[in-house]
PDB file of N, CA and C in Angstrom:
ATOM      1  N   UNK A   1       0.822  -1.191   0.000  1.00  0.00           N
ATOM      2  CA  UNK A   1       0.000   0.000   0.000  1.00  0.00           C
ATOM      3  C   UNK A   1       0.860   1.245   0.000  1.00  0.00           C
ATOM      4  N   UNK A   2       0.390   2.244  -0.692  1.00  0.00           N
ATOM      5  CA  UNK A   2       1.106   3.505  -0.742  1.00  0.00           C
ATOM      6  C   UNK A   2       0.601   4.408   0.379  1.00  0.00           C
ATOM      7  N   UNK A   3       1.393   4.620   1.398  1.00  0.00           N
ATOM      8  CA  UNK A   3       0.979   5.388   2.562  1.00  0.00           C
ATOM      9  C   UNK A   3       0.959   6.890   2.299  1.00  0.00           C
ATOM     10  N   UNK A   4       1.610   7.369   1.266  1.00  0.00           N
ATOM     11  CA  UNK A   4       1.711   8.807   1.016  1.00  0.00           C
ATOM     12  C   UNK A   4       0.398   9.414   0.528  1.00  0.00           C
ATOM     13  N   UNK A   5      -0.473   8.634  -0.069  1.00  0.00           N
ATOM     14  CA  UNK A   5      -1.711   9.189  -0.604  1.00  0.00           C
ATOM     15  C   UNK A   5      -2.850   9.182   0.418  1.00  0.00           C
ATOM     16  N   UNK A   6      -2.688   8.473   1.516  1.00  0.00           N
ATOM     17  CA  UNK A   6      -3.734   8.413   2.526  1.00  0.00           C
ATOM     18  C   UNK A   6      -3.519   9.494   3.570  1.00  0.00           C
ATOM     19  N   UNK A   7      -4.604  10.125   4.042  1.00  0.00           N
ATOM     20  CA  UNK A   7      -4.437  11.127   5.111  1.00  0.00           C
ATOM     21  C   UNK A   7      -4.012  10.469   6.412  1.00  0.00           C
ATOM     22  N   UNK A   8      -3.307  11.204   7.227  1.00  0.00           N
ATOM     23  CA  UNK A   8      -2.879  10.689   8.519  1.00  0.00           C
ATOM     24  C   UNK A   8      -4.084  10.509   9.430  1.00  0.00           C
ATOM     25  N   UNK A   9      -3.898   9.679  10.432  1.00  0.00           N
ATOM     26  CA  UNK A   9      -4.985   9.423  11.368  1.00  0.00           C
ATOM     27  C   UNK A   9      -5.397  10.727  12.052  1.00  0.00           C
ATOM     28  N   UNK A  10      -6.690  11.011  12.075  1.00  0.00           N
ATOM     29  CA  UNK A  10      -7.178  12.237  12.698  1.00  0.00           C
ATOM     30  C   UNK A  10      -7.292  13.398  11.726  1.00  0.00           C
ATOM     31  N   UNK A  11      -6.803  13.263  10.517  1.00  0.00           N
ATOM     32  CA  UNK A  11      -6.905  14.327   9.520  1.00  0.00           C
ATOM     33  C   UNK A  11      -7.849  13.884   8.415  1.00  0.00           C
ATOM     34  N   UNK A  12      -8.708  14.774   8.023  1.00  0.00           N
ATOM     35  CA  UNK A  12      -9.662  14.428   6.971  1.00  0.00           C
ATOM     36  C   UNK A  12      -9.212  14.939   5.614  1.00  0.00           C
ATOM     37  N   UNK A  13      -8.161  15.708   5.580  1.00  0.00           N
ATOM     38  CA  UNK A  13      -7.698  16.254   4.316  1.00  0.00           C
ATOM     39  C   UNK A  13      -8.339  17.589   3.974  1.00  0.00           C
ATOM     40  N   UNK A  14      -9.249  18.056   4.823  1.00  0.00           N
ATOM     41  CA  UNK A  14      -9.919  19.338   4.594  1.00  0.00           C
ATOM     42  C   UNK A  14      -9.286  20.421   5.442  1.00  0.00           C
ATOM     43  N   UNK A  15      -9.356  21.634   4.956  1.00  0.00           N
ATOM     44  CA  UNK A  15      -8.876  22.751   5.748  1.00  0.00           C
ATOM     45  C   UNK A  15     -10.039  23.305   6.558  1.00  0.00           C
ATOM     46  N   UNK A  16      -9.781  24.190   7.478  1.00  0.00           N
ATOM     47  CA  UNK A  16     -10.805  24.733   8.349  1.00  0.00           C
ATOM     48  C   UNK A  16     -11.668  25.799   7.706  1.00  0.00           C
ATOM     49  N   UNK A  17     -11.353  26.224   6.507  1.00  0.00           N
ATOM     50  CA  UNK A  17     -12.109  27.297   5.855  1.00  0.00           C
ATOM     51  C   UNK A  17     -13.376  26.781   5.203  1.00  0.00           C
ATOM     52  N   UNK A  18     -14.375  27.683   5.142  1.00  0.00           N
ATOM     53  CA  UNK A  18     -15.574  27.375   4.374  1.00  0.00           C
ATOM     54  C   UNK A  18     -15.320  27.746   2.923  1.00  0.00           C
ATOM     55  N   UNK A  19     -15.932  27.032   2.024  1.00  0.00           N
ATOM     56  CA  UNK A  19     -15.816  27.372   0.610  1.00  0.00           C
ATOM     57  C   UNK A  19     -16.632  28.636   0.350  1.00  0.00           C
ATOM     58  N   UNK A  20     -16.093  29.599  -0.413  1.00  0.00           N
ATOM     59  CA  UNK A  20     -16.847  30.813  -0.698  1.00  0.00           C
ATOM     60  C   UNK A  20     -18.088  30.498  -1.522  1.00  0.00           C
ATOM     61  N   UNK A  21     -19.123  31.271  -1.287  1.00  0.00           N
ATOM     62  CA  UNK A  21     -20.385  31.057  -1.965  1.00  0.00           C
ATOM     63  C   UNK A  21     -20.728  32.304  -2.764  1.00  0.00           C
ATOM     64  N   UNK A  22     -21.158  32.100  -3.995  1.00  0.00           N
ATOM     65  CA  UNK A  22     -21.547  33.213  -4.846  1.00  0.00           C
ATOM     66  C   UNK A  22     -22.812  33.855  -4.296  1.00  0.00           C
ATOM     67  N   UNK A  23     -22.851  35.191  -4.223  1.00  0.00           N
ATOM     68  CA  UNK A  23     -24.076  35.843  -3.765  1.00  0.00           C
ATOM     69  C   UNK A  23     -25.216  35.617  -4.758  1.00  0.00           C
ATOM     70  N   UNK A  24     -26.453  35.580  -4.265  1.00  0.00           N
ATOM     71  CA  UNK A  24     -27.591  35.355  -5.164  1.00  0.00           C
ATOM     72  C   UNK A  24     -27.762  36.492  -6.167  1.00  0.00           C
ATOM     73  N   UNK A  25     -28.255  36.180  -7.343  1.00  0.00           N
ATOM     74  CA  UNK A  25     -28.496  37.182  -8.376  1.00  0.00           C
ATOM     75  C   UNK A  25     -29.617  38.112  -7.899  1.00  0.00           C
ATOM     76  N   UNK A  26     -29.417  39.414  -8.094  1.00  0.00           N
ATOM     77  CA  UNK A  26     -30.428  40.404  -7.735  1.00  0.00           C
ATOM     78  C   UNK A  26     -30.286  40.994  -6.352  1.00  0.00           C
ATOM     79  N   UNK A  27     -29.398  40.456  -5.522  1.00  0.00           N
ATOM     80  CA  UNK A  27     -29.247  40.940  -4.161  1.00  0.00           C
ATOM     81  C   UNK A  27     -28.480  42.270  -4.150  1.00  0.00           C
ATOM     82  N   UNK A  28     -28.822  43.141  -3.194  1.00  0.00           N
ATOM     83  CA  UNK A  28     -28.113  44.406  -3.019  1.00  0.00           C
ATOM     84  C   UNK A  28     -27.008  44.219  -1.996  1.00  0.00           C
ATOM     85  N   UNK A  29     -25.806  44.692  -2.328  1.00  0.00           N
ATOM     86  CA  UNK A  29     -24.643  44.570  -1.459  1.00  0.00           C
ATOM     87  C   UNK A  29     -23.869  45.872  -1.456  1.00  0.00           C
ATOM     88  N   UNK A  30     -22.850  45.932  -0.614  1.00  0.00           N
ATOM     89  CA  UNK A  30     -21.970  47.088  -0.546  1.00  0.00           C
ATOM     90  C   UNK A  30     -20.647  46.726  -1.192  1.00  0.00           C
ATOM     91  N   UNK A  31     -20.164  47.587  -2.095  1.00  0.00           N
ATOM     92  CA  UNK A  31     -18.841  47.431  -2.702  1.00  0.00           C
ATOM     93  C   UNK A  31     -18.099  48.737  -2.460  1.00  0.00           C
ATOM     94  N   UNK A  32     -17.223  48.739  -1.472  1.00  0.00           N
ATOM     95  CA  UNK A  32     -16.585  49.989  -1.067  1.00  0.00           C
ATOM     96  C   UNK A  32     -17.646  50.901  -0.475  1.00  0.00           C
ATOM     97  N   UNK A  33     -17.807  52.092  -1.032  1.00  0.00           N
ATOM     98  CA  UNK A  33     -18.828  53.034  -0.565  1.00  0.00           C
ATOM     99  C   UNK A  33     -20.108  52.947  -1.393  1.00  0.00           C
ATOM    100  N   UNK A  34     -20.081  52.159  -2.456  1.00  0.00           N
ATOM    101  CA  UNK A  34     -21.241  52.066  -3.351  1.00  0.00           C
ATOM    102  C   UNK A  34     -22.169  50.933  -2.958  1.00  0.00           C
ATOM    103  N   UNK A  35     -23.466  51.154  -3.192  1.00  0.00           N
ATOM    104  CA  UNK A  35     -24.449  50.092  -3.078  1.00  0.00           C
ATOM    105  C   UNK A  35     -24.641  49.538  -4.476  1.00  0.00           C
ATOM    106  N   UNK A  36     -24.491  48.230  -4.624  1.00  0.00           N
ATOM    107  CA  UNK A  36     -24.517  47.603  -5.943  1.00  0.00           C
ATOM    108  C   UNK A  36     -25.511  46.457  -5.957  1.00  0.00           C
ATOM    109  N   UNK A  37     -25.895  46.060  -7.156  1.00  0.00           N
ATOM    110  CA  UNK A  37     -26.780  44.912  -7.341  1.00  0.00           C
ATOM    111  C   UNK A  37     -26.030  43.861  -8.142  1.00  0.00           C
ATOM    112  N   UNK A  38     -26.125  42.608  -7.719  1.00  0.00           N
ATOM    113  CA  UNK A  38     -25.469  41.508  -8.428  1.00  0.00           C
ATOM    114  C   UNK A  38     -26.312  41.161  -9.649  1.00  0.00           C
ATOM    115  N   UNK A  39     -25.681  41.182 -10.827  1.00  0.00           N
ATOM    116  CA  UNK A  39     -26.373  40.917 -12.087  1.00  0.00           C
ATOM    117  C   UNK A  39     -26.174  39.479 -12.543  1.00  0.00           C
ATOM    118  N   UNK A  40     -24.932  38.983 -12.459  1.00  0.00           N
ATOM    119  CA  UNK A  40     -24.640  37.638 -12.965  1.00  0.00           C
ATOM    120  C   UNK A  40     -23.368  37.112 -12.324  1.00  0.00           C
ATOM    121  N   UNK A  41     -23.203  35.800 -12.408  1.00  0.00           N
ATOM    122  CA  UNK A  41     -21.988  35.157 -11.925  1.00  0.00           C
ATOM    123  C   UNK A  41     -20.989  35.095 -13.068  1.00  0.00           C
ATOM    124  N   UNK A  42     -19.735  35.413 -12.766  1.00  0.00           N
ATOM    125  CA  UNK A  42     -18.661  35.329 -13.757  1.00  0.00           C
ATOM    126  C   UNK A  42     -17.687  34.250 -13.296  1.00  0.00           C
ATOM    127  N   UNK A  43     -16.643  34.023 -14.050  1.00  0.00           N
ATOM    128  CA  UNK A  43     -15.685  32.974 -13.694  1.00  0.00           C
ATOM    129  C   UNK A  43     -14.665  33.482 -12.682  1.00  0.00           C
ATOM    130  N   UNK A  44     -13.998  32.558 -12.025  1.00  0.00           N
ATOM    131  CA  UNK A  44     -12.919  32.906 -11.113  1.00  0.00           C
ATOM    132  C   UNK A  44     -13.382  33.580  -9.842  1.00  0.00           C
ATOM    133  N   UNK A  45     -14.494  33.129  -9.253  1.00  0.00           N
ATOM    134  CA  UNK A  45     -15.055  33.700  -8.031  1.00  0.00           C
ATOM    135  C   UNK A  45     -15.322  35.191  -8.176  1.00  0.00           C
ATOM    136  N   UNK A  46     -15.886  35.548  -9.299  1.00  0.00           N
ATOM    137  CA  UNK A  46     -16.249  36.937  -9.569  1.00  0.00           C
ATOM    138  C   UNK A  46     -17.717  37.027  -9.946  1.00  0.00           C
ATOM    139  N   UNK A  47     -18.279  38.223  -9.762  1.00  0.00           N
ATOM    140  CA  UNK A  47     -19.657  38.492 -10.170  1.00  0.00           C
ATOM    141  C   UNK A  47     -19.686  39.796 -10.945  1.00  0.00           C
ATOM    142  N   UNK A  48     -20.704  39.947 -11.767  1.00  0.00           N
ATOM    143  CA  UNK A  48     -20.931  41.203 -12.475  1.00  0.00           C
ATOM    144  C   UNK A  48     -21.916  42.003 -11.643  1.00  0.00           C
ATOM    145  N   UNK A  49     -21.538  43.234 -11.320  1.00  0.00           N
ATOM    146  CA  UNK A  49     -22.391  44.095 -10.519  1.00  0.00           C
ATOM    147  C   UNK A  49     -22.840  45.294 -11.343  1.00  0.00           C
ATOM    148  N   UNK A  50     -23.933  45.903 -10.912  1.00  0.00           N
ATOM    149  CA  UNK A  50     -24.442  47.108 -11.554  1.00  0.00           C
ATOM    150  C   UNK A  50     -24.579  48.166 -10.475  1.00  0.00           C
ATOM    151  N   UNK A  51     -24.115  49.375 -10.775  1.00  0.00           N
ATOM    152  CA  UNK A  51     -24.236  50.472  -9.825  1.00  0.00           C
ATOM    153  C   UNK A  51     -24.493  51.767 -10.580  1.00  0.00           C
ATOM    154  N   UNK A  52     -24.812  52.811  -9.827  1.00  0.00           N
ATOM    155  CA  UNK A  52     -25.132  54.112 -10.407  1.00  0.00           C
ATOM    156  C   UNK A  52     -24.071  55.107  -9.950  1.00  0.00           C
ATOM    157  N   UNK A  53     -23.513  55.884 -10.896  1.00  0.00           N
ATOM    158  CA  UNK A  53     -22.510  56.873 -10.513  1.00  0.00           C
ATOM    159  C   UNK A  53     -23.173  58.186 -10.109  1.00  0.00           C
ATOM    160  N   UNK A  54     -22.368  59.197  -9.820  1.00  0.00           N
ATOM    161  CA  UNK A  54     -22.870  60.487  -9.345  1.00  0.00           C
ATOM    162  C   UNK A  54     -23.769  61.191 -10.358  1.00  0.00           C
ATOM    163  N   UNK A  55     -23.564  60.927 -11.655  1.00  0.00           N
ATOM    164  CA  UNK A  55     -24.354  61.560 -12.706  1.00  0.00           C
ATOM    165  C   UNK A  55     -25.649  60.809 -13.001  1.00  0.00           C
ATOM    166  N   UNK A  56     -25.879  59.687 -12.328  1.00  0.00           N
ATOM    167  CA  UNK A  56     -27.088  58.914 -12.541  1.00  0.00           C
ATOM    168  C   UNK A  56     -26.981  57.854 -13.627  1.00  0.00           C
ATOM    169  N   UNK A  57     -25.796  57.683 -14.182  1.00  0.00           N
ATOM    170  CA  UNK A  57     -25.598  56.660 -15.214  1.00  0.00           C
ATOM    171  C   UNK A  57     -25.336  55.312 -14.553  1.00  0.00           C
ATOM    172  N   UNK A  58     -25.954  54.278 -15.084  1.00  0.00           N
ATOM    173  CA  UNK A  58     -25.683  52.933 -14.566  1.00  0.00           C
ATOM    174  C   UNK A  58     -24.518  52.329 -15.337  1.00  0.00           C
ATOM    175  N   UNK A  59     -23.710  51.594 -14.638  1.00  0.00           N
ATOM    176  CA  UNK A  59     -22.611  50.904 -15.301  1.00  0.00           C
ATOM    177  C   UNK A  59     -22.395  49.563 -14.623  1.00  0.00           C
ATOM    178  N   UNK A  60     -21.782  48.658 -15.354  1.00  0.00           N
ATOM    179  CA  UNK A  60     -21.509  47.305 -14.876  1.00  0.00           C
ATOM    180  C   UNK A  60     -20.009  47.085 -14.777  1.00  0.00           C
ATOM    181  N   UNK A  61     -19.632  46.311 -13.790  1.00  0.00           N
ATOM    182  CA  UNK A  61     -18.225  45.948 -13.638  1.00  0.00           C
ATOM    183  C   UNK A  61     -18.151  44.562 -13.009  1.00  0.00           C
ATOM    184  N   UNK A  62     -16.970  43.970 -13.073  1.00  0.00           N
ATOM    185  CA  UNK A  62     -16.745  42.638 -12.534  1.00  0.00           C
ATOM    186  C   UNK A  62     -15.855  42.758 -11.308  1.00  0.00           C
ATOM    187  N   UNK A  63     -16.294  42.157 -10.203  1.00  0.00           N
ATOM    188  CA  UNK A  63     -15.539  42.218  -8.948  1.00  0.00           C
ATOM    189  C   UNK A  63     -15.500  40.835  -8.310  1.00  0.00           C
ATOM    190  N   UNK A  64     -14.570  40.646  -7.386  1.00  0.00           N
ATOM    191  CA  UNK A  64     -14.474  39.378  -6.663  1.00  0.00           C
ATOM    192  C   UNK A  64     -15.526  39.325  -5.560  1.00  0.00           C
ATOM    193  N   UNK A  65     -15.995  38.099  -5.269  1.00  0.00           N
ATOM    194  CA  UNK A  65     -17.002  37.902  -4.227  1.00  0.00           C
ATOM    195  C   UNK A  65     -16.511  38.434  -2.886  1.00  0.00           C
ATOM    196  N   UNK A  66     -15.240  38.236  -2.596  1.00  0.00           N
ATOM    197  CA  UNK A  66     -14.692  38.597  -1.289  1.00  0.00           C
ATOM    198  C   UNK A  66     -14.774  40.095  -1.019  1.00  0.00           C
ATOM    199  N   UNK A  67     -14.889  40.917  -2.061  1.00  0.00           N
ATOM    200  CA  UNK A  67     -14.938  42.357  -1.888  1.00  0.00           C
ATOM    201  C   UNK A  67     -16.349  42.890  -1.702  1.00  0.00           C
ATOM    202  N   UNK A  68     -17.343  42.027  -1.722  1.00  0.00           N
ATOM    203  CA  UNK A  68     -18.726  42.439  -1.518  1.00  0.00           C
ATOM    204  C   UNK A  68     -19.122  42.190  -0.066  1.00  0.00           C
ATOM    205  N   UNK A  69     -19.848  43.155   0.516  1.00  0.00           N
ATOM    206  CA  UNK A  69     -20.231  43.086   1.924  1.00  0.00           C
ATOM    207  C   UNK A  69     -21.741  43.292   2.031  1.00  0.00           C
ATOM    208  N   UNK A  70     -22.355  42.614   2.985  1.00  0.00           N
ATOM    209  CA  UNK A  70     -23.788  42.805   3.231  1.00  0.00           C
ATOM    210  C   UNK A  70     -24.080  44.252   3.613  1.00  0.00           C
ATOM    211  N   UNK A  71     -25.299  44.704   3.314  1.00  0.00           N
ATOM    212  CA  UNK A  71     -25.725  46.032   3.714  1.00  0.00           C
ATOM    213  C   UNK A  71     -25.966  46.053   5.223  1.00  0.00           C
ATOM    214  N   UNK A  72     -25.606  47.141   5.861  1.00  0.00           N
ATOM    215  CA  UNK A  72     -25.814  47.297   7.295  1.00  0.00           C
ATOM    216  C   UNK A  72     -27.051  48.153   7.538  1.00  0.00           C
ATOM    217  N   UNK A  73     -27.957  47.679   8.346  1.00  0.00           N
ATOM    218  CA  UNK A  73     -29.112  48.468   8.767  1.00  0.00           C
ATOM    219  C   UNK A  73     -29.985  48.914   7.605  1.00  0.00           C
ATOM    220  N   UNK A  74     -30.183  50.234   7.504  1.00  0.00           N
ATOM    221  CA  UNK A  74     -31.063  50.795   6.481  1.00  0.00           C
ATOM    222  C   UNK A  74     -30.332  51.055   5.188  1.00  0.00           C
ATOM    223  N   UNK A  75     -31.116  51.037   4.100  1.00  0.00           N
ATOM    224  CA  UNK A  75     -30.544  51.301   2.787  1.00  0.00           C
ATOM    225  C   UNK A  75     -30.287  52.793   2.586  1.00  0.00           C
ATOM    226  N   UNK A  76     -31.237  53.621   3.002  1.00  0.00           N
ATOM    227  CA  UNK A  76     -31.092  55.084   2.829  1.00  0.00           C
ATOM    228  C   UNK A  76     -31.163  55.791   4.161  1.00  0.00           C
TER     229      UNK A  76
END
């Protein structure tokens, strides 16, 4: 038997971290100081978000899931 491929006793081979989860489509989140809406899932743990700039124009960009934060308290 090849002992190198089997995990040691007491180890499951998993790390203590949870796997990141893509935010649901349509949810409102915080990206920096902006409030954004998730439009679609992209590759590489990224999502496409939509936000409004100071002039009222909407634009889309791609950001990593880790940089999105839940909204705190009230929206406005």
